[in-house]
Amino acid sequence: MQDWNVILVDDEEEFVSTLAERLRLRGIPVRVTTDGEEALRMMETDPPQVVVLDVLMPGLGGLEVLKRIQADYPEVKVILLTGQGSTWDGIQGMRMGVFDYLMKPLNIDDLIGKIREAVGGG
């Protein structure tokens, strides 16, 4: 897992920092941002294998970030995170070609499984 390169993008600071800590404790290195624009800037210098991306964010929303990732980094896999009220956005994301989507609250093992699948580790 050490060679994995993952970016977490979610505007809920406490959620994303806790999630990052839980992933790091399981040996998954992650970079974190609470802003879609910042995520795109992070990708310019070191594109990840996987972006875990919240759909509903202020400013540049998740689906717009997804469009830009797909245009500029088509090899990057995106896993969308949706809340209870944004299931439609997850379905829309699937139609747009995301790798997968998960509902919040997350099961950490489900997320790790999706990341593993996305990086080709079965």
N, C-alpha and C. Protein backbone atom coordinates (compact mmCIF):
# COMPACT_ATOMS: atom_id res chain seq x y z
N MET A 1 0.81 -1.20 0.00
CA MET A 1 0.00 0.00 0.00
C MET A 1 0.85 1.26 0.00
N GLN A 2 2.12 1.13 0.30
CA GLN A 2 2.98 2.31 0.42
C GLN A 2 3.09 3.09 -0.88
N ASP A 3 2.92 2.43 -2.02
CA ASP A 3 3.06 3.13 -3.29
C ASP A 3 1.74 3.76 -3.75
N TRP A 4 0.71 3.63 -2.94
CA TRP A 4 -0.55 4.26 -3.29
C TRP A 4 -0.41 5.77 -3.17
N ASN A 5 -1.12 6.49 -4.03
CA ASN A 5 -1.12 7.94 -4.01
C ASN A 5 -2.58 8.38 -4.06
N VAL A 6 -3.10 8.86 -2.93
CA VAL A 6 -4.52 9.17 -2.78
C VAL A 6 -4.69 10.60 -2.29
N ILE A 7 -5.67 11.30 -2.86
CA ILE A 7 -6.06 12.62 -2.37
C ILE A 7 -7.50 12.53 -1.88
N LEU A 8 -7.75 13.03 -0.67
CA LEU A 8 -9.10 13.14 -0.12
C LEU A 8 -9.55 14.59 -0.24
N VAL A 9 -10.76 14.79 -0.77
CA VAL A 9 -11.29 16.14 -0.94
C VAL A 9 -12.69 16.20 -0.34
N ASP A 10 -12.82 16.94 0.75
CA ASP A 10 -14.12 17.10 1.40
C ASP A 10 -14.09 18.39 2.19
N ASP A 11 -15.13 19.18 2.09
CA ASP A 11 -15.15 20.47 2.76
C ASP A 11 -15.37 20.37 4.27
N GLU A 12 -15.74 19.21 4.78
CA GLU A 12 -15.93 19.02 6.21
C GLU A 12 -14.59 18.67 6.84
N GLU A 13 -13.93 19.68 7.43
CA GLU A 13 -12.56 19.51 7.94
C GLU A 13 -12.42 18.36 8.93
N GLU A 14 -13.31 18.29 9.88
CA GLU A 14 -13.20 17.23 10.89
C GLU A 14 -13.35 15.86 10.26
N PHE A 15 -14.31 15.73 9.35
CA PHE A 15 -14.53 14.45 8.67
C PHE A 15 -13.30 14.03 7.88
N VAL A 16 -12.77 14.94 7.06
CA VAL A 16 -11.67 14.57 6.18
C VAL A 16 -10.38 14.31 6.96
N SER A 17 -10.16 15.05 8.04
CA SER A 17 -8.94 14.80 8.82
C SER A 17 -9.04 13.47 9.57
N THR A 18 -10.22 13.16 10.10
CA THR A 18 -10.42 11.88 10.77
C THR A 18 -10.27 10.72 9.78
N LEU A 19 -10.86 10.87 8.61
CA LEU A 19 -10.76 9.83 7.59
C LEU A 19 -9.31 9.63 7.17
N ALA A 20 -8.59 10.72 6.98
CA ALA A 20 -7.18 10.61 6.60
C ALA A 20 -6.38 9.88 7.68
N GLU A 21 -6.64 10.22 8.93
CA GLU A 21 -5.93 9.56 10.03
C GLU A 21 -6.23 8.06 10.05
N ARG A 22 -7.47 7.71 9.84
CA ARG A 22 -7.84 6.29 9.85
C ARG A 22 -7.18 5.54 8.68
N LEU A 23 -7.09 6.18 7.54
CA LEU A 23 -6.42 5.54 6.40
C LEU A 23 -4.92 5.41 6.65
N ARG A 24 -4.31 6.46 7.19
CA ARG A 24 -2.87 6.41 7.47
C ARG A 24 -2.54 5.33 8.49
N LEU A 25 -3.40 5.15 9.48
CA LEU A 25 -3.19 4.08 10.47
C LEU A 25 -3.21 2.70 9.83
N ARG A 26 -3.85 2.61 8.67
CA ARG A 26 -3.91 1.34 7.93
C ARG A 26 -2.87 1.29 6.82
N GLY A 27 -1.92 2.21 6.86
CA GLY A 27 -0.80 2.18 5.93
C GLY A 27 -1.06 2.82 4.58
N ILE A 28 -2.13 3.59 4.47
CA ILE A 28 -2.46 4.24 3.20
C ILE A 28 -2.08 5.72 3.28
N PRO A 29 -1.05 6.13 2.53
CA PRO A 29 -0.67 7.54 2.55
C PRO A 29 -1.69 8.38 1.78
N VAL A 30 -2.12 9.47 2.40
CA VAL A 30 -3.11 10.34 1.75
C VAL A 30 -2.72 11.80 1.92
N ARG A 31 -3.13 12.58 0.95
CA ARG A 31 -3.06 14.04 1.06
C ARG A 31 -4.49 14.53 1.18
N VAL A 32 -4.68 15.64 1.85
CA VAL A 32 -6.01 16.11 2.18
C VAL A 32 -6.18 17.57 1.78
N THR A 33 -7.38 17.88 1.29
CA THR A 33 -7.77 19.27 1.08
C THR A 33 -9.27 19.39 1.30
N THR A 34 -9.69 20.59 1.65
CA THR A 34 -11.12 20.86 1.84
C THR A 34 -11.69 21.68 0.69
N ASP A 35 -10.93 21.78 -0.40
CA ASP A 35 -11.28 22.70 -1.48
C ASP A 35 -10.99 22.06 -2.84
N GLY A 36 -11.96 22.12 -3.74
CA GLY A 36 -11.80 21.54 -5.07
C GLY A 36 -10.68 22.16 -5.88
N GLU A 37 -10.56 23.48 -5.82
CA GLU A 37 -9.50 24.17 -6.56
C GLU A 37 -8.13 23.73 -6.06
N GLU A 38 -8.00 23.62 -4.75
CA GLU A 38 -6.73 23.18 -4.16
C GLU A 38 -6.40 21.75 -4.59
N ALA A 39 -7.41 20.91 -4.65
CA ALA A 39 -7.19 19.53 -5.10
C ALA A 39 -6.60 19.51 -6.51
N LEU A 40 -7.14 20.34 -7.38
CA LEU A 40 -6.63 20.40 -8.75
C LEU A 40 -5.19 20.93 -8.78
N ARG A 41 -4.87 21.89 -7.92
CA ARG A 41 -3.49 22.38 -7.84
C ARG A 41 -2.55 21.28 -7.33
N MET A 42 -3.00 20.52 -6.35
CA MET A 42 -2.19 19.41 -5.83
C MET A 42 -1.88 18.39 -6.93
N MET A 43 -2.84 18.19 -7.80
CA MET A 43 -2.68 17.20 -8.87
C MET A 43 -1.66 17.65 -9.91
N GLU A 44 -1.48 18.96 -10.06
CA GLU A 44 -0.53 19.47 -11.05
C GLU A 44 0.89 19.01 -10.75
N THR A 45 1.25 18.96 -9.48
CA THR A 45 2.62 18.61 -9.12
C THR A 45 2.81 17.12 -8.90
N ASP A 46 1.76 16.42 -8.48
CA ASP A 46 1.88 14.99 -8.19
C ASP A 46 0.52 14.32 -8.35
N PRO A 47 0.16 13.97 -9.60
CA PRO A 47 -1.15 13.36 -9.82
C PRO A 47 -1.29 12.05 -9.03
N PRO A 48 -2.43 11.87 -8.36
CA PRO A 48 -2.65 10.66 -7.60
C PRO A 48 -3.16 9.53 -8.49
N GLN A 49 -3.23 8.36 -7.91
CA GLN A 49 -3.90 7.26 -8.58
C GLN A 49 -5.40 7.36 -8.37
N VAL A 50 -5.77 7.83 -7.16
CA VAL A 50 -7.18 7.88 -6.76
C VAL A 50 -7.48 9.21 -6.07
N VAL A 51 -8.64 9.78 -6.41
CA VAL A 51 -9.17 10.93 -5.69
C VAL A 51 -10.49 10.49 -5.06
N VAL A 52 -10.59 10.68 -3.74
CA VAL A 52 -11.84 10.45 -3.03
C VAL A 52 -12.46 11.82 -2.86
N LEU A 53 -13.60 12.04 -3.52
CA LEU A 53 -14.12 13.39 -3.74
C LEU A 53 -15.56 13.54 -3.28
N ASP A 54 -15.78 14.48 -2.36
CA ASP A 54 -17.13 14.79 -1.92
C ASP A 54 -17.88 15.50 -3.03
N VAL A 55 -19.15 15.17 -3.19
CA VAL A 55 -19.95 15.79 -4.24
C VAL A 55 -20.35 17.22 -3.87
N LEU A 56 -20.87 17.39 -2.66
CA LEU A 56 -21.41 18.69 -2.27
C LEU A 56 -20.38 19.49 -1.50
N MET A 57 -19.80 20.47 -2.18
CA MET A 57 -18.83 21.37 -1.57
C MET A 57 -19.13 22.79 -2.02
N PRO A 58 -18.87 23.77 -1.15
CA PRO A 58 -19.05 25.16 -1.59
C PRO A 58 -17.99 25.51 -2.64
N GLY A 59 -18.28 26.53 -3.40
CA GLY A 59 -17.32 26.91 -4.45
C GLY A 59 -17.39 25.90 -5.59
N LEU A 60 -16.25 25.36 -5.93
CA LEU A 60 -16.17 24.38 -7.01
C LEU A 60 -16.68 23.04 -6.49
N GLY A 61 -17.85 22.63 -6.95
CA GLY A 61 -18.48 21.40 -6.48
C GLY A 61 -17.81 20.16 -7.02
N GLY A 62 -18.13 19.04 -6.41
CA GLY A 62 -17.50 17.77 -6.75
C GLY A 62 -17.66 17.35 -8.21
N LEU A 63 -18.85 17.55 -8.78
CA LEU A 63 -19.04 17.12 -10.17
C LEU A 63 -18.22 17.99 -11.13
N GLU A 64 -18.03 19.27 -10.81
CA GLU A 64 -17.19 20.13 -11.64
C GLU A 64 -15.72 19.73 -11.50
N VAL A 65 -15.29 19.42 -10.28
CA VAL A 65 -13.92 18.93 -10.08
C VAL A 65 -13.73 17.63 -10.86
N LEU A 66 -14.73 16.76 -10.82
CA LEU A 66 -14.68 15.51 -11.56
C LEU A 66 -14.46 15.77 -13.06
N LYS A 67 -15.22 16.69 -13.62
CA LYS A 67 -15.07 17.01 -15.05
C LYS A 67 -13.64 17.44 -15.38
N ARG A 68 -13.07 18.27 -14.52
CA ARG A 68 -11.71 18.76 -14.77
C ARG A 68 -10.68 17.64 -14.61
N ILE A 69 -10.88 16.79 -13.63
CA ILE A 69 -9.96 15.65 -13.46
C ILE A 69 -10.02 14.77 -14.70
N GLN A 70 -11.22 14.47 -15.15
CA GLN A 70 -11.36 13.60 -16.32
C GLN A 70 -10.74 14.22 -17.57
N ALA A 71 -10.83 15.53 -17.70
CA ALA A 71 -10.25 16.21 -18.87
C ALA A 71 -8.73 16.23 -18.82
N ASP A 72 -8.18 16.50 -17.64
CA ASP A 72 -6.74 16.70 -17.52
C ASP A 72 -5.97 15.46 -17.06
N TYR A 73 -6.64 14.56 -16.36
CA TYR A 73 -5.98 13.37 -15.79
C TYR A 73 -6.87 12.15 -15.98
N PRO A 74 -7.09 11.73 -17.22
CA PRO A 74 -8.05 10.64 -17.46
C PRO A 74 -7.67 9.31 -16.81
N GLU A 75 -6.39 9.15 -16.45
CA GLU A 75 -5.97 7.90 -15.82
C GLU A 75 -6.28 7.85 -14.33
N VAL A 76 -6.63 8.98 -13.72
CA VAL A 76 -6.92 9.05 -12.30
C VAL A 76 -8.33 8.52 -12.04
N LYS A 77 -8.45 7.63 -11.07
CA LYS A 77 -9.75 7.07 -10.69
C LYS A 77 -10.35 7.97 -9.62
N VAL A 78 -11.66 8.22 -9.74
CA VAL A 78 -12.36 9.07 -8.77
C VAL A 78 -13.44 8.24 -8.08
N ILE A 79 -13.43 8.31 -6.75
CA ILE A 79 -14.49 7.72 -5.93
C ILE A 79 -15.25 8.88 -5.31
N LEU A 80 -16.52 9.00 -5.66
CA LEU A 80 -17.34 10.08 -5.12
C LEU A 80 -17.91 9.71 -3.77
N LEU A 81 -18.02 10.71 -2.89
CA LEU A 81 -18.69 10.55 -1.61
C LEU A 81 -19.98 11.35 -1.66
N THR A 82 -21.08 10.70 -1.32
CA THR A 82 -22.36 11.38 -1.33
C THR A 82 -23.03 11.24 0.03
N GLY A 83 -23.77 12.27 0.42
CA GLY A 83 -24.56 12.20 1.63
C GLY A 83 -25.93 11.63 1.32
N GLN A 84 -26.73 11.49 2.35
CA GLN A 84 -28.06 10.90 2.19
C GLN A 84 -28.90 11.63 1.14
N GLY A 85 -28.78 12.97 1.12
CA GLY A 85 -29.61 13.75 0.21
C GLY A 85 -29.04 13.91 -1.18
N SER A 86 -27.87 13.33 -1.45
CA SER A 86 -27.24 13.56 -2.76
C SER A 86 -26.99 12.27 -3.54
N THR A 87 -27.86 11.27 -3.32
CA THR A 87 -27.73 10.01 -4.05
C THR A 87 -27.77 10.25 -5.56
N TRP A 88 -28.62 11.18 -5.98
CA TRP A 88 -28.73 11.48 -7.41
C TRP A 88 -27.38 11.94 -7.97
N ASP A 89 -26.63 12.70 -7.18
CA ASP A 89 -25.32 13.16 -7.63
C ASP A 89 -24.37 11.98 -7.81
N GLY A 90 -24.47 10.99 -6.94
CA GLY A 90 -23.65 9.79 -7.09
C GLY A 90 -23.99 9.04 -8.37
N ILE A 91 -25.27 8.94 -8.66
CA ILE A 91 -25.71 8.28 -9.90
C ILE A 91 -25.24 9.09 -11.10
N GLN A 92 -25.37 10.41 -11.01
CA GLN A 92 -24.89 11.29 -12.09
C GLN A 92 -23.39 11.09 -12.29
N GLY A 93 -22.65 11.01 -11.19
CA GLY A 93 -21.22 10.78 -11.28
C GLY A 93 -20.90 9.46 -11.97
N MET A 94 -21.67 8.43 -11.66
CA MET A 94 -21.44 7.14 -12.32
C MET A 94 -21.65 7.27 -13.83
N ARG A 95 -22.67 8.01 -14.22
CA ARG A 95 -22.92 8.25 -15.65
C ARG A 95 -21.77 9.03 -16.29
N MET A 96 -21.10 9.85 -15.47
CA MET A 96 -19.98 10.65 -15.97
C MET A 96 -18.68 9.86 -16.00
N GLY A 97 -18.70 8.66 -15.44
CA GLY A 97 -17.53 7.81 -15.54
C GLY A 97 -16.67 7.70 -14.29
N VAL A 98 -17.22 8.02 -13.11
CA VAL A 98 -16.42 7.83 -11.90
C VAL A 98 -16.17 6.34 -11.70
N PHE A 99 -15.13 6.03 -10.95
CA PHE A 99 -14.83 4.63 -10.66
C PHE A 99 -15.95 4.02 -9.82
N ASP A 100 -16.40 4.76 -8.81
CA ASP A 100 -17.48 4.27 -7.95
C ASP A 100 -17.92 5.42 -7.05
N TYR A 101 -18.97 5.19 -6.28
CA TYR A 101 -19.36 6.16 -5.27
C TYR A 101 -19.79 5.44 -4.01
N LEU A 102 -19.59 6.12 -2.88
CA LEU A 102 -19.96 5.59 -1.57
C LEU A 102 -20.81 6.62 -0.84
N MET A 103 -21.70 6.12 -0.02
CA MET A 103 -22.57 6.98 0.77
C MET A 103 -21.94 7.25 2.13
N LYS A 104 -22.12 8.47 2.62
CA LYS A 104 -21.76 8.80 3.99
C LYS A 104 -22.93 8.42 4.88
N PRO A 105 -22.71 7.99 6.10
CA PRO A 105 -21.41 7.77 6.72
C PRO A 105 -20.70 6.57 6.10
N LEU A 106 -19.38 6.68 6.02
CA LEU A 106 -18.57 5.66 5.36
C LEU A 106 -18.21 4.52 6.28
N ASN A 107 -18.10 3.35 5.69
CA ASN A 107 -17.45 2.22 6.35
C ASN A 107 -16.01 2.24 5.83
N ILE A 108 -15.05 2.37 6.73
CA ILE A 108 -13.64 2.52 6.33
C ILE A 108 -13.17 1.33 5.51
N ASP A 109 -13.62 0.13 5.84
CA ASP A 109 -13.20 -1.05 5.09
C ASP A 109 -13.75 -1.03 3.66
N ASP A 110 -14.98 -0.51 3.49
CA ASP A 110 -15.53 -0.38 2.14
C ASP A 110 -14.70 0.61 1.32
N LEU A 111 -14.32 1.73 1.94
CA LEU A 111 -13.51 2.72 1.23
C LEU A 111 -12.16 2.13 0.86
N ILE A 112 -11.52 1.46 1.78
CA ILE A 112 -10.21 0.84 1.48
C ILE A 112 -10.35 -0.18 0.36
N GLY A 113 -11.42 -0.95 0.38
CA GLY A 113 -11.65 -1.91 -0.70
C GLY A 113 -11.79 -1.23 -2.05
N LYS A 114 -12.51 -0.12 -2.09
CA LYS A 114 -12.69 0.62 -3.34
C LYS A 114 -11.37 1.23 -3.81
N ILE A 115 -10.59 1.77 -2.87
CA ILE A 115 -9.29 2.32 -3.24
C ILE A 115 -8.40 1.20 -3.79
N ARG A 116 -8.40 0.06 -3.13
CA ARG A 116 -7.59 -1.08 -3.58
C ARG A 116 -7.99 -1.49 -5.00
N GLU A 117 -9.30 -1.58 -5.25
CA GLU A 117 -9.78 -1.91 -6.60
C GLU A 117 -9.32 -0.87 -7.61
N ALA A 118 -9.41 0.39 -7.23
CA ALA A 118 -9.06 1.48 -8.15
C ALA A 118 -7.58 1.48 -8.54
N VAL A 119 -6.71 1.11 -7.60
CA VAL A 119 -5.28 1.09 -7.92
C VAL A 119 -4.86 -0.24 -8.53
N GLY A 120 -5.83 -1.13 -8.71
CA GLY A 120 -5.54 -2.38 -9.40
C GLY A 120 -5.10 -3.50 -8.49
N GLY A 121 -5.36 -3.35 -7.20
CA GLY A 121 -4.94 -4.37 -6.26
C GLY A 121 -6.02 -5.37 -5.91
N GLY A 122 -7.08 -5.44 -6.74
CA GLY A 122 -8.12 -6.42 -6.51
C GLY A 122 -9.01 -6.04 -5.42
